[in-house]
PDB file of N, CA and C in Angstrom:
ATOM      1  N   MET A   1      22.465 103.379 -24.836  1.00  0.00           N
ATOM      2  CA  MET A   1      21.100 103.111 -25.222  1.00  0.00           C
ATOM      3  C   MET A   1      21.027 103.155 -26.742  1.00  0.00           C
ATOM      4  N   SER A   2      20.504 102.128 -27.329  1.00  0.00           N
ATOM      5  CA  SER A   2      20.426 102.077 -28.783  1.00  0.00           C
ATOM      6  C   SER A   2      19.282 102.962 -29.284  1.00  0.00           C
ATOM      7  N   PHE A   3      19.294 103.179 -30.591  1.00  0.00           N
ATOM      8  CA  PHE A   3      18.279 104.035 -31.193  1.00  0.00           C
ATOM      9  C   PHE A   3      16.885 103.433 -31.033  1.00  0.00           C
ATOM     10  N   LEU A   4      16.773 102.116 -31.230  1.00  0.00           N
ATOM     11  CA  LEU A   4      15.477 101.446 -31.112  1.00  0.00           C
ATOM     12  C   LEU A   4      14.901 101.576 -29.696  1.00  0.00           C
ATOM     13  N   SER A   5      15.739 101.393 -28.699  1.00  0.00           N
ATOM     14  CA  SER A   5      15.241 101.493 -27.319  1.00  0.00           C
ATOM     15  C   SER A   5      14.806 102.921 -26.990  1.00  0.00           C
ATOM     16  N   ARG A   6      15.513 103.902 -27.513  1.00  0.00           N
ATOM     17  CA  ARG A   6      15.117 105.298 -27.277  1.00  0.00           C
ATOM     18  C   ARG A   6      13.782 105.617 -27.945  1.00  0.00           C
ATOM     19  N   VAL A   7      13.588 105.105 -29.148  1.00  0.00           N
ATOM     20  CA  VAL A   7      12.337 105.347 -29.865  1.00  0.00           C
ATOM     21  C   VAL A   7      11.169 104.685 -29.121  1.00  0.00           C
ATOM     22  N   VAL A   8      11.361 103.450 -28.691  1.00  0.00           N
ATOM     23  CA  VAL A   8      10.296 102.738 -27.978  1.00  0.00           C
ATOM     24  C   VAL A   8       9.977 103.444 -26.658  1.00  0.00           C
ATOM     25  N   THR A   9      11.005 103.881 -25.944  1.00  0.00           N
ATOM     26  CA  THR A   9      10.786 104.595 -24.685  1.00  0.00           C
ATOM     27  C   THR A   9      10.076 105.919 -24.924  1.00  0.00           C
ATOM     28  N   LEU A  10      10.495 106.655 -25.932  1.00  0.00           N
ATOM     29  CA  LEU A  10       9.850 107.933 -26.254  1.00  0.00           C
ATOM     30  C   LEU A  10       8.396 107.722 -26.655  1.00  0.00           C
ATOM     31  N   PHE A  11       8.136 106.709 -27.467  1.00  0.00           N
ATOM     32  CA  PHE A  11       6.769 106.397 -27.871  1.00  0.00           C
ATOM     33  C   PHE A  11       5.915 106.049 -26.647  1.00  0.00           C
ATOM     34  N   GLY A  12       6.462 105.253 -25.733  1.00  0.00           N
ATOM     35  CA  GLY A  12       5.736 104.897 -24.508  1.00  0.00           C
ATOM     36  C   GLY A  12       5.459 106.109 -23.640  1.00  0.00           C
ATOM     37  N   LEU A  13       6.407 107.025 -23.540  1.00  0.00           N
ATOM     38  CA  LEU A  13       6.196 108.233 -22.739  1.00  0.00           C
ATOM     39  C   LEU A  13       5.142 109.143 -23.361  1.00  0.00           C
ATOM     40  N   VAL A  14       5.143 109.232 -24.687  1.00  0.00           N
ATOM     41  CA  VAL A  14       4.100 110.030 -25.363  1.00  0.00           C
ATOM     42  C   VAL A  14       2.732 109.402 -25.126  1.00  0.00           C
ATOM     43  N   LEU A  15       2.649 108.076 -25.252  1.00  0.00           N
ATOM     44  CA  LEU A  15       1.382 107.389 -24.971  1.00  0.00           C
ATOM     45  C   LEU A  15       0.940 107.602 -23.525  1.00  0.00           C
ATOM     46  N   LEU A  16       1.888 107.540 -22.600  1.00  0.00           N
ATOM     47  CA  LEU A  16       1.558 107.732 -21.189  1.00  0.00           C
ATOM     48  C   LEU A  16       1.061 109.155 -20.919  1.00  0.00           C
ATOM     49  N   ALA A  17       1.703 110.131 -21.544  1.00  0.00           N
ATOM     50  CA  ALA A  17       1.246 111.514 -21.390  1.00  0.00           C
ATOM     51  C   ALA A  17      -0.153 111.688 -21.977  1.00  0.00           C
ATOM     52  N   HIS A  18      -0.395 111.083 -23.129  1.00  0.00           N
ATOM     53  CA  HIS A  18      -1.714 111.188 -23.748  1.00  0.00           C
ATOM     54  C   HIS A  18      -2.777 110.508 -22.894  1.00  0.00           C
ATOM     55  N   ALA A  19      -2.449 109.360 -22.315  1.00  0.00           N
ATOM     56  CA  ALA A  19      -3.405 108.667 -21.460  1.00  0.00           C
ATOM     57  C   ALA A  19      -3.705 109.483 -20.203  1.00  0.00           C
ATOM     58  N   GLY A  20      -2.693 110.099 -19.646  1.00  0.00           N
ATOM     59  CA  GLY A  20      -2.903 110.953 -18.480  1.00  0.00           C
ATOM     60  C   GLY A  20      -3.768 112.160 -18.809  1.00  0.00           C
ATOM     61  N   TYR A  21      -3.510 112.788 -19.962  1.00  0.00           N
ATOM     62  CA  TYR A  21      -4.317 113.929 -20.380  1.00  0.00           C
ATOM     63  C   TYR A  21      -5.759 113.501 -20.660  1.00  0.00           C
ATOM     64  N   SER A  22      -5.927 112.340 -21.280  1.00  0.00           N
ATOM     65  CA  SER A  22      -7.278 111.841 -21.563  1.00  0.00           C
ATOM     66  C   SER A  22      -8.029 111.534 -20.276  1.00  0.00           C
ATOM     67  N   ALA A  23      -7.346 110.965 -19.314  1.00  0.00           N
ATOM     68  CA  ALA A  23      -7.982 110.672 -18.029  1.00  0.00           C
ATOM     69  C   ALA A  23      -8.378 111.966 -17.319  1.00  0.00           C
ATOM     70  N   HIS A  24      -7.520 112.969 -17.398  1.00  0.00           N
ATOM     71  CA  HIS A  24      -7.842 114.262 -16.783  1.00  0.00           C
ATOM     72  C   HIS A  24      -9.054 114.897 -17.463  1.00  0.00           C
ATOM     73  N   GLU A  25      -9.055 114.903 -18.775  1.00  0.00           N
ATOM     74  CA  GLU A  25     -10.182 115.481 -19.497  1.00  0.00           C
ATOM     75  C   GLU A  25     -11.479 114.724 -19.215  1.00  0.00           C
ATOM     76  N   HIS A  26     -11.387 113.415 -19.093  1.00  0.00           N
ATOM     77  CA  HIS A  26     -12.583 112.626 -18.827  1.00  0.00           C
ATOM     78  C   HIS A  26     -13.134 112.941 -17.433  1.00  0.00           C
ATOM     79  N   THR A  27     -12.259 113.067 -16.452  1.00  0.00           N
ATOM     80  CA  THR A  27     -12.751 113.373 -15.102  1.00  0.00           C
ATOM     81  C   THR A  27     -13.293 114.792 -15.015  1.00  0.00           C
ATOM     82  N   VAL A  28     -12.681 115.734 -15.735  1.00  0.00           N
ATOM     83  CA  VAL A  28     -13.192 117.104 -15.732  1.00  0.00           C
ATOM     84  C   VAL A  28     -14.542 117.163 -16.431  1.00  0.00           C
ATOM     85  N   LEU A  29     -14.691 116.420 -17.520  1.00  0.00           N
ATOM     86  CA  LEU A  29     -15.942 116.432 -18.283  1.00  0.00           C
ATOM     87  C   LEU A  29     -17.103 115.879 -17.462  1.00  0.00           C
ATOM     88  N   PHE A  30     -16.831 114.785 -16.725  1.00  0.00           N
ATOM     89  CA  PHE A  30     -17.915 114.163 -15.972  1.00  0.00           C
ATOM     90  C   PHE A  30     -17.979 114.591 -14.514  1.00  0.00           C
ATOM     91  N   SER A  31     -17.125 115.538 -14.094  1.00  0.00           N
ATOM     92  CA  SER A  31     -17.208 116.009 -12.712  1.00  0.00           C
ATOM     93  C   SER A  31     -18.404 116.944 -12.519  1.00  0.00           C
ATOM     94  N   ASN A  32     -18.900 117.560 -13.602  1.00  0.00           N
ATOM     95  CA  ASN A  32     -20.029 118.464 -13.493  1.00  0.00           C
ATOM     96  C   ASN A  32     -21.371 117.741 -13.531  1.00  0.00           C
ATOM     97  N   THR A  33     -21.353 116.462 -13.886  1.00  0.00           N
ATOM     98  CA  THR A  33     -22.607 115.716 -13.956  1.00  0.00           C
ATOM     99  C   THR A  33     -22.819 114.924 -12.669  1.00  0.00           C
ATOM    100  N   ASN A  34     -24.032 114.523 -12.443  1.00  0.00           N
ATOM    101  CA  ASN A  34     -24.362 113.764 -11.239  1.00  0.00           C
ATOM    102  C   ASN A  34     -24.414 112.261 -11.499  1.00  0.00           C
ATOM    103  N   ILE A  35     -23.978 111.836 -12.651  1.00  0.00           N
ATOM    104  CA  ILE A  35     -24.033 110.421 -12.992  1.00  0.00           C
ATOM    105  C   ILE A  35     -22.743 109.768 -12.501  1.00  0.00           C
ATOM    106  N   ALA A  36     -22.846 108.944 -11.470  1.00  0.00           N
ATOM    107  CA  ALA A  36     -21.655 108.308 -10.887  1.00  0.00           C
ATOM    108  C   ALA A  36     -21.194 107.113 -11.705  1.00  0.00           C
ATOM    109  N   ALA A  37     -22.087 106.462 -12.431  1.00  0.00           N
ATOM    110  CA  ALA A  37     -21.719 105.272 -13.198  1.00  0.00           C
ATOM    111  C   ALA A  37     -20.824 105.625 -14.378  1.00  0.00           C
ATOM    112  N   ILE A  38     -20.982 106.798 -14.937  1.00  0.00           N
ATOM    113  CA  ILE A  38     -20.196 107.197 -16.097  1.00  0.00           C
ATOM    114  C   ILE A  38     -18.838 107.750 -15.654  1.00  0.00           C
ATOM    115  N   ALA A  39     -18.681 108.041 -14.377  1.00  0.00           N
ATOM    116  CA  ALA A  39     -17.466 108.670 -13.887  1.00  0.00           C
ATOM    117  C   ALA A  39     -16.252 107.742 -13.914  1.00  0.00           C
ATOM    118  N   THR A  40     -16.443 106.456 -14.103  1.00  0.00           N
ATOM    119  CA  THR A  40     -15.294 105.566 -14.189  1.00  0.00           C
ATOM    120  C   THR A  40     -14.571 105.767 -15.510  1.00  0.00           C
ATOM    121  N   LEU A  41     -13.291 105.472 -15.534  1.00  0.00           N
ATOM    122  CA  LEU A  41     -12.515 105.669 -16.758  1.00  0.00           C
ATOM    123  C   LEU A  41     -12.918 104.647 -17.811  1.00  0.00           C
ATOM    124  N   PRO A  42     -12.994 105.084 -19.059  1.00  0.00           N
ATOM    125  CA  PRO A  42     -13.307 104.135 -20.136  1.00  0.00           C
ATOM    126  C   PRO A  42     -12.166 103.140 -20.317  1.00  0.00           C
ATOM    127  N   SER A  43     -12.500 102.011 -20.883  1.00  0.00           N
ATOM    128  CA  SER A  43     -11.507 100.943 -21.031  1.00  0.00           C
ATOM    129  C   SER A  43     -10.392 101.317 -22.009  1.00  0.00           C
ATOM    130  N   ASP A  44     -10.669 102.183 -22.984  1.00  0.00           N
ATOM    131  CA  ASP A  44      -9.613 102.543 -23.928  1.00  0.00           C
ATOM    132  C   ASP A  44      -8.504 103.346 -23.251  1.00  0.00           C
ATOM    133  N   ILE A  45      -8.848 104.172 -22.257  1.00  0.00           N
ATOM    134  CA  ILE A  45      -7.831 104.922 -21.523  1.00  0.00           C
ATOM    135  C   ILE A  45      -7.007 103.974 -20.654  1.00  0.00           C
ATOM    136  N   VAL A  46      -7.666 103.009 -20.047  1.00  0.00           N
ATOM    137  CA  VAL A  46      -6.961 102.035 -19.215  1.00  0.00           C
ATOM    138  C   VAL A  46      -6.014 101.195 -20.071  1.00  0.00           C
ATOM    139  N   VAL A  47      -6.493 100.738 -21.210  1.00  0.00           N
ATOM    140  CA  VAL A  47      -5.653  99.933 -22.109  1.00  0.00           C
ATOM    141  C   VAL A  47      -4.486 100.764 -22.633  1.00  0.00           C
ATOM    142  N   GLU A  48      -4.738 102.029 -22.960  1.00  0.00           N
ATOM    143  CA  GLU A  48      -3.654 102.894 -23.432  1.00  0.00           C
ATOM    144  C   GLU A  48      -2.599 103.093 -22.350  1.00  0.00           C
ATOM    145  N   THR A  49      -3.025 103.251 -21.109  1.00  0.00           N
ATOM    146  CA  THR A  49      -2.081 103.412 -20.009  1.00  0.00           C
ATOM    147  C   THR A  49      -1.241 102.154 -19.824  1.00  0.00           C
ATOM    148  N   LEU A  50      -1.873 100.995 -19.849  1.00  0.00           N
ATOM    149  CA  LEU A  50      -1.126  99.746 -19.696  1.00  0.00           C
ATOM    150  C   LEU A  50      -0.150  99.529 -20.853  1.00  0.00           C
ATOM    151  N   ALA A  51      -0.581  99.855 -22.071  1.00  0.00           N
ATOM    152  CA  ALA A  51       0.308  99.717 -23.222  1.00  0.00           C
ATOM    153  C   ALA A  51       1.487 100.686 -23.116  1.00  0.00           C
ATOM    154  N   ALA A  52       1.230 101.888 -22.615  1.00  0.00           N
ATOM    155  CA  ALA A  52       2.303 102.870 -22.464  1.00  0.00           C
ATOM    156  C   ALA A  52       3.322 102.410 -21.425  1.00  0.00           C
ATOM    157  N   VAL A  53       2.850 101.891 -20.312  1.00  0.00           N
ATOM    158  CA  VAL A  53       3.770 101.403 -19.276  1.00  0.00           C
ATOM    159  C   VAL A  53       4.577 100.219 -19.798  1.00  0.00           C
ATOM    160  N   LEU A  54       3.937  99.339 -20.544  1.00  0.00           N
ATOM    161  CA  LEU A  54       4.638  98.207 -21.136  1.00  0.00           C
ATOM    162  C   LEU A  54       5.691  98.675 -22.141  1.00  0.00           C
ATOM    163  N   ALA A  55       5.355  99.659 -22.965  1.00  0.00           N
ATOM    164  CA  ALA A  55       6.308 100.161 -23.960  1.00  0.00           C
ATOM    165  C   ALA A  55       7.498 100.839 -23.285  1.00  0.00           C
ATOM    166  N   VAL A  56       7.243 101.627 -22.260  1.00  0.00           N
ATOM    167  CA  VAL A  56       8.348 102.277 -21.544  1.00  0.00           C
ATOM    168  C   VAL A  56       9.239 101.226 -20.894  1.00  0.00           C
ATOM    169  N   SER A  57       8.630 100.208 -20.289  1.00  0.00           N
ATOM    170  CA  SER A  57       9.417  99.156 -19.640  1.00  0.00           C
ATOM    171  C   SER A  57      10.276  98.408 -20.652  1.00  0.00           C
ATOM    172  N   ILE A  58       9.706  98.064 -21.793  1.00  0.00           N
ATOM    173  CA  ILE A  58      10.467  97.363 -22.827  1.00  0.00           C
ATOM    174  C   ILE A  58      11.602  98.235 -23.347  1.00  0.00           C
ATOM    175  N   GLY A  59      11.338  99.512 -23.550  1.00  0.00           N
ATOM    176  CA  GLY A  59      12.383 100.425 -24.019  1.00  0.00           C
ATOM    177  C   GLY A  59      13.519 100.558 -23.033  1.00  0.00           C
ATOM    178  N   LEU A  60      13.195 100.626 -21.746  1.00  0.00           N
ATOM    179  CA  LEU A  60      14.253 100.731 -20.741  1.00  0.00           C
ATOM    180  C   LEU A  60      15.052  99.438 -20.617  1.00  0.00           C
ATOM    181  N   VAL A  61      14.385  98.305 -20.723  1.00  0.00           N
ATOM    182  CA  VAL A  61      15.100  97.031 -20.656  1.00  0.00           C
ATOM    183  C   VAL A  61      16.003  96.848 -21.875  1.00  0.00           C
ATOM    184  N   LEU A  62      15.513  97.218 -23.049  1.00  0.00           N
ATOM    185  CA  LEU A  62      16.342  97.110 -24.252  1.00  0.00           C
ATOM    186  C   LEU A  62      17.556  98.022 -24.196  1.00  0.00           C
ATOM    187  N   GLY A  63      17.430  99.160 -23.534  1.00  0.00           N
ATOM    188  CA  GLY A  63      18.530 100.115 -23.469  1.00  0.00           C
ATOM    189  C   GLY A  63      19.482  99.905 -22.319  1.00  0.00           C
ATOM    190  N   ALA A  64      19.196  98.953 -21.449  1.00  0.00           N
ATOM    191  CA  ALA A  64      20.067  98.717 -20.301  1.00  0.00           C
ATOM    192  C   ALA A  64      21.354  98.033 -20.745  1.00  0.00           C
ATOM    193  N   GLU A  65      22.384  98.205 -19.936  1.00  0.00           N
ATOM    194  CA  GLU A  65      23.656  97.551 -20.231  1.00  0.00           C
ATOM    195  C   GLU A  65      23.520  96.043 -20.066  1.00  0.00           C
ATOM    196  N   LYS A  66      24.390  95.335 -20.742  1.00  0.00           N
ATOM    197  CA  LYS A  66      24.415  93.887 -20.589  1.00  0.00           C
ATOM    198  C   LYS A  66      24.876  93.558 -19.174  1.00  0.00           C
ATOM    199  N   LEU A  67      24.288  92.533 -18.598  1.00  0.00           N
ATOM    200  CA  LEU A  67      24.655  92.140 -17.251  1.00  0.00           C
ATOM    201  C   LEU A  67      26.039  91.502 -17.242  1.00  0.00           C
ATOM    202  N   LYS A  68      26.781  91.810 -16.208  1.00  0.00           N
ATOM    203  CA  LYS A  68      28.121  91.253 -16.073  1.00  0.00           C
ATOM    204  C   LYS A  68      28.046  90.033 -15.165  1.00  0.00           C
ATOM    205  N   PRO A  69      28.818  89.009 -15.461  1.00  0.00           N
ATOM    206  CA  PRO A  69      28.798  87.844 -14.579  1.00  0.00           C
ATOM    207  C   PRO A  69      29.405  88.188 -13.228  1.00  0.00           C
ATOM    208  N   ILE A  70      28.861  87.595 -12.209  1.00  0.00           N
ATOM    209  CA  ILE A  70      29.327  87.852 -10.857  1.00  0.00           C
ATOM    210  C   ILE A  70      30.323  86.771 -10.479  1.00  0.00           C
ATOM    211  N   SER A  71      31.484  87.188 -10.072  1.00  0.00           N
ATOM    212  CA  SER A  71      32.497  86.261  -9.614  1.00  0.00           C
ATOM    213  C   SER A  71      32.817  86.607  -8.166  1.00  0.00           C
ATOM    214  N   TRP A  72      32.447  85.733  -7.270  1.00  0.00           N
ATOM    215  CA  TRP A  72      32.630  85.980  -5.842  1.00  0.00           C
ATOM    216  C   TRP A  72      34.117  86.152  -5.523  1.00  0.00           C
ATOM    217  N   ARG A  73      34.957  85.374  -6.183  1.00  0.00           N
ATOM    218  CA  ARG A  73      36.391  85.414  -5.915  1.00  0.00           C
ATOM    219  C   ARG A  73      36.957  86.793  -6.252  1.00  0.00           C
ATOM    220  N   ASP A  74      36.583  87.333  -7.421  1.00  0.00           N
ATOM    221  CA  ASP A  74      37.087  88.648  -7.827  1.00  0.00           C
ATOM    222  C   ASP A  74      36.578  89.739  -6.899  1.00  0.00           C
ATOM    223  N   TRP A  75      35.293  89.656  -6.524  1.00  0.00           N
ATOM    224  CA  TRP A  75      34.713  90.660  -5.636  1.00  0.00           C
ATOM    225  C   TRP A  75      35.398  90.632  -4.272  1.00  0.00           C
ATOM    226  N   ALA A  76      35.604  89.436  -3.730  1.00  0.00           N
ATOM    227  CA  ALA A  76      36.235  89.318  -2.413  1.00  0.00           C
ATOM    228  C   ALA A  76      37.683  89.796  -2.464  1.00  0.00           C
ATOM    229  N   GLY A  77      38.371  89.505  -3.570  1.00  0.00           N
ATOM    230  CA  GLY A  77      39.744  89.985  -3.712  1.00  0.00           C
ATOM    231  C   GLY A  77      39.811  91.501  -3.776  1.00  0.00           C
ATOM    232  N   GLU A  78      38.866  92.105  -4.466  1.00  0.00           N
ATOM    233  CA  GLU A  78      38.815  93.569  -4.543  1.00  0.00           C
ATOM    234  C   GLU A  78      38.533  94.184  -3.172  1.00  0.00           C
ATOM    235  N   ILE A  79      37.655  93.566  -2.422  1.00  0.00           N
ATOM    236  CA  ILE A  79      37.346  94.053  -1.070  1.00  0.00           C
ATOM    237  C   ILE A  79      38.581  93.959  -0.178  1.00  0.00           C
ATOM    238  N   GLU A  80      39.306  92.862  -0.273  1.00  0.00           N
ATOM    239  CA  GLU A  80      40.510  92.684   0.541  1.00  0.00           C
ATOM    240  C   GLU A  80      41.595  93.683   0.155  1.00  0.00           C
ATOM    241  N   ARG A  81      41.738  93.968  -1.141  1.00  0.00           N
ATOM    242  CA  ARG A  81      42.740  94.944  -1.577  1.00  0.00           C
ATOM    243  C   ARG A  81      42.404  96.346  -1.083  1.00  0.00           C
ATOM    244  N   ASP A  82      41.114  96.674  -1.005  1.00  0.00           N
ATOM    245  CA  ASP A  82      40.707  98.004  -0.543  1.00  0.00           C
ATOM    246  C   ASP A  82      40.826  98.156   0.966  1.00  0.00           C
ATOM    247  N   GLY A  83      41.164  97.124   1.644  1.00  0.00           N
ATOM    248  CA  GLY A  83      41.329  97.207   3.093  1.00  0.00           C
ATOM    249  C   GLY A  83      40.073  96.856   3.856  1.00  0.00           C
ATOM    250  N   GLY A  84      39.053  96.418   3.188  1.00  0.00           N
ATOM    251  CA  GLY A  84      37.851  95.976   3.881  1.00  0.00           C
ATOM    252  C   GLY A  84      36.896  97.086   4.263  1.00  0.00           C
ATOM    253  N   ALA A  85      37.106  98.315   3.785  1.00  0.00           N
ATOM    254  CA  ALA A  85      36.215  99.417   4.154  1.00  0.00           C
ATOM    255  C   ALA A  85      34.820  99.227   3.582  1.00  0.00           C
ATOM    256  N   ARG A  86      34.728  98.581   2.424  1.00  0.00           N
ATOM    257  CA  ARG A  86      33.421  98.366   1.799  1.00  0.00           C
ATOM    258  C   ARG A  86      32.864  96.987   2.098  1.00  0.00           C
ATOM    259  N   ASN A  87      33.514  96.253   2.967  1.00  0.00           N
ATOM    260  CA  ASN A  87      33.102  94.879   3.243  1.00  0.00           C
ATOM    261  C   ASN A  87      31.772  94.868   3.995  1.00  0.00           C
ATOM    262  N   PRO A  88      30.720  94.302   3.403  1.00  0.00           N
ATOM    263  CA  PRO A  88      29.429  94.281   4.098  1.00  0.00           C
ATOM    264  C   PRO A  88      29.388  93.294   5.251  1.00  0.00           C
ATOM    265  N   TYR A  89      30.382  92.419   5.334  1.00  0.00           N
ATOM    266  CA  TYR A  89      30.417  91.423   6.398  1.00  0.00           C
ATOM    267  C   TYR A  89      31.387  91.802   7.511  1.00  0.00           C
ATOM    268  N   MET A  90      31.834  93.050   7.539  1.00  0.00           N
ATOM    269  CA  MET A  90      32.806  93.481   8.537  1.00  0.00           C
ATOM    270  C   MET A  90      32.248  93.342   9.956  1.00  0.00           C
ATOM    271  N   GLY A  91      30.977  93.636  10.124  1.00  0.00           N
ATOM    272  CA  GLY A  91      30.369  93.505  11.454  1.00  0.00           C
ATOM    273  C   GLY A  91      30.352  92.072  11.948  1.00  0.00           C
ATOM    274  N   LEU A  92      30.228  91.139  11.030  1.00  0.00           N
ATOM    275  CA  LEU A  92      30.238  89.727  11.424  1.00  0.00           C
ATOM    276  C   LEU A  92      31.645  89.240  11.752  1.00  0.00           C
ATOM    277  N   GLU A  93      32.639  89.806  11.078  1.00  0.00           N
ATOM    278  CA  GLU A  93      34.001  89.363  11.308  1.00  0.00           C
ATOM    279  C   GLU A  93      34.597  89.947  12.580  1.00  0.00           C
ATOM    280  N   GLU A  94      34.103  91.096  13.030  1.00  0.00           N
ATOM    281  CA  GLU A  94      34.674  91.757  14.203  1.00  0.00           C
ATOM    282  C   GLU A  94      33.749  91.727  15.408  1.00  0.00           C
ATOM    283  N   ARG A  95      32.829  90.817  15.444  1.00  0.00           N
ATOM    284  CA  ARG A  95      31.908  90.758  16.568  1.00  0.00           C
ATOM    285  C   ARG A  95      32.555  90.034  17.746  1.00  0.00           C
ATOM    286  N   PHE A  96      31.958  90.240  18.908  1.00  0.00           N
ATOM    287  CA  PHE A  96      32.433  89.586  20.112  1.00  0.00           C
ATOM    288  C   PHE A  96      32.085  88.103  20.060  1.00  0.00           C
ATOM    289  N   GLY A  97      32.928  87.307  20.657  1.00  0.00           N
ATOM    290  CA  GLY A  97      32.635  85.887  20.766  1.00  0.00           C
ATOM    291  C   GLY A  97      31.664  85.650  21.915  1.00  0.00           C
ATOM    292  N   PHE A  98      31.505  84.412  22.278  1.00  0.00           N
ATOM    293  CA  PHE A  98      30.625  84.089  23.395  1.00  0.00           C
ATOM    294  C   PHE A  98      31.298  84.465  24.710  1.00  0.00           C
ATOM    295  N   TRP A  99      30.523  84.989  25.616  1.00  0.00           N
ATOM    296  CA  TRP A  99      31.025  85.346  26.937  1.00  0.00           C
ATOM    297  C   TRP A  99      30.822  84.175  27.878  1.00  0.00           C
ATOM    298  N   ASP A 100      31.734  84.029  28.794  1.00  0.00           N
ATOM    299  CA  ASP A 100      31.571  83.044  29.851  1.00  0.00           C
ATOM    300  C   ASP A 100      30.798  83.738  30.970  1.00  0.00           C
ATOM    301  N   ILE A 101      29.513  83.477  31.017  1.00  0.00           N
ATOM    302  CA  ILE A 101      28.642  84.187  31.948  1.00  0.00           C
ATOM    303  C   ILE A 101      29.027  83.890  33.396  1.00  0.00           C
ATOM    304  N   ARG A 102      29.364  82.661  33.679  1.00  0.00           N
ATOM    305  CA  ARG A 102      29.726  82.311  35.067  1.00  0.00           C
ATOM    306  C   ARG A 102      30.973  83.054  35.514  1.00  0.00           C
ATOM    307  N   ALA A 103      31.945  83.177  34.626  1.00  0.00           N
ATOM    308  CA  ALA A 103      33.161  83.914  34.983  1.00  0.00           C
ATOM    309  C   ALA A 103      32.855  85.391  35.181  1.00  0.00           C
ATOM    310  N   LYS A 104      32.010  85.933  34.326  1.00  0.00           N
ATOM    311  CA  LYS A 104      31.646  87.351  34.467  1.00  0.00           C
ATOM    312  C   LYS A 104      30.866  87.587  35.759  1.00  0.00           C
ATOM    313  N   ARG A 105      29.979  86.671  36.126  1.00  0.00           N
ATOM    314  CA  ARG A 105      29.245  86.808  37.382  1.00  0.00           C
ATOM    315  C   ARG A 105      30.191  86.753  38.571  1.00  0.00           C
ATOM    316  N   LYS A 106      31.176  85.842  38.508  1.00  0.00           N
ATOM    317  CA  LYS A 106      32.137  85.729  39.597  1.00  0.00           C
ATOM    318  C   LYS A 106      32.960  87.005  39.713  1.00  0.00           C
ATOM    319  N   GLU A 107      33.417  87.549  38.577  1.00  0.00           N
ATOM    320  CA  GLU A 107      34.169  88.812  38.601  1.00  0.00           C
ATOM    321  C   GLU A 107      33.328  89.925  39.201  1.00  0.00           C
ATOM    322  N   PHE A 108      32.054  89.997  38.827  1.00  0.00           N
ATOM    323  CA  PHE A 108      31.186  91.043  39.344  1.00  0.00           C
ATOM    324  C   PHE A 108      30.958  90.852  40.840  1.00  0.00           C
ATOM    325  N   ALA A 109      30.714  89.635  41.260  1.00  0.00           N
ATOM    326  CA  ALA A 109      30.495  89.374  42.687  1.00  0.00           C
ATOM    327  C   ALA A 109      31.744  89.715  43.487  1.00  0.00           C
ATOM    328  N   ASP A 110      32.909  89.388  42.978  1.00  0.00           N
ATOM    329  CA  ASP A 110      34.155  89.744  43.671  1.00  0.00           C
ATOM    330  C   ASP A 110      34.322  91.260  43.736  1.00  0.00           C
ATOM    331  N   TRP A 111      33.948  91.942  42.685  1.00  0.00           N
ATOM    332  CA  TRP A 111      34.063  93.401  42.673  1.00  0.00           C
ATOM    333  C   TRP A 111      33.105  94.032  43.664  1.00  0.00           C
ATOM    334  N   VAL A 112      31.885  93.481  43.778  1.00  0.00           N
ATOM    335  CA  VAL A 112      30.893  94.017  44.692  1.00  0.00           C
ATOM    336  C   VAL A 112      31.335  93.805  46.138  1.00  0.00           C
ATOM    337  N   ARG A 113      31.898  92.656  46.439  1.00  0.00           N
ATOM    338  CA  ARG A 113      32.318  92.357  47.804  1.00  0.00           C
ATOM    339  C   ARG A 113      33.466  93.262  48.243  1.00  0.00           C
ATOM    340  N   GLY A 114      34.258  93.694  47.341  1.00  0.00           N
ATOM    341  CA  GLY A 114      35.328  94.616  47.690  1.00  0.00           C
ATOM    342  C   GLY A 114      36.705  94.000  47.592  1.00  0.00           C
ATOM    343  N   PRO A 115      37.742  94.781  47.910  1.00  0.00           N
ATOM    344  CA  PRO A 115      39.117  94.309  47.744  1.00  0.00           C
ATOM    345  C   PRO A 115      39.547  93.287  48.787  1.00  0.00           C
ATOM    346  N   ASP A 116      38.825  93.153  49.886  1.00  0.00           N
ATOM    347  CA  ASP A 116      39.220  92.196  50.918  1.00  0.00           C
ATOM    348  C   ASP A 116      39.112  90.767  50.426  1.00  0.00           C
ATOM    349  N   VAL A 117      38.121  90.479  49.628  1.00  0.00           N
ATOM    350  CA  VAL A 117      37.884  89.115  49.142  1.00  0.00           C
ATOM    351  C   VAL A 117      38.939  88.730  48.110  1.00  0.00           C
ATOM    352  N   LEU A 118      39.413  89.673  47.332  1.00  0.00           N
ATOM    353  CA  LEU A 118      40.381  89.377  46.285  1.00  0.00           C
ATOM    354  C   LEU A 118      41.751  88.990  46.836  1.00  0.00           C
ATOM    355  N   LYS A 119      42.094  89.415  48.065  1.00  0.00           N
ATOM    356  CA  LYS A 119      43.417  89.138  48.638  1.00  0.00           C
ATOM    357  C   LYS A 119      43.537  87.694  49.081  1.00  0.00           C
ATOM    358  N   GLU A 120      42.477  86.977  49.211  1.00  0.00           N
ATOM    359  CA  GLU A 120      42.556  85.595  49.696  1.00  0.00           C
ATOM    360  C   GLU A 120      43.299  84.756  48.805  1.00  0.00           C
TER     361      GLU A 120
END
């Protein structure tokens, strides 16, 4: 994380803490009054909160590592070298094929009838 991204993130977090404290103080101040229209948060607190979230987001994005290009060939080769333990497609590769339902029904019917039918 570069120095600039840390400063921007820290500034955004300070703004966010201040906006949260201001919102708390505003609700405590107007919780004792019976005026419901004034109980909504002022626009400056809302704008400060949005600016703080934006600053934190920008700081985190600036401090993130550079994205690495994805190469399917390299990833698949690494999975194959590891023996396929991390392969997310392992369930698809080892699934059962289609069953011959008619053959299975015939086997079941022969089994139900008993061993006399099988000797024919």
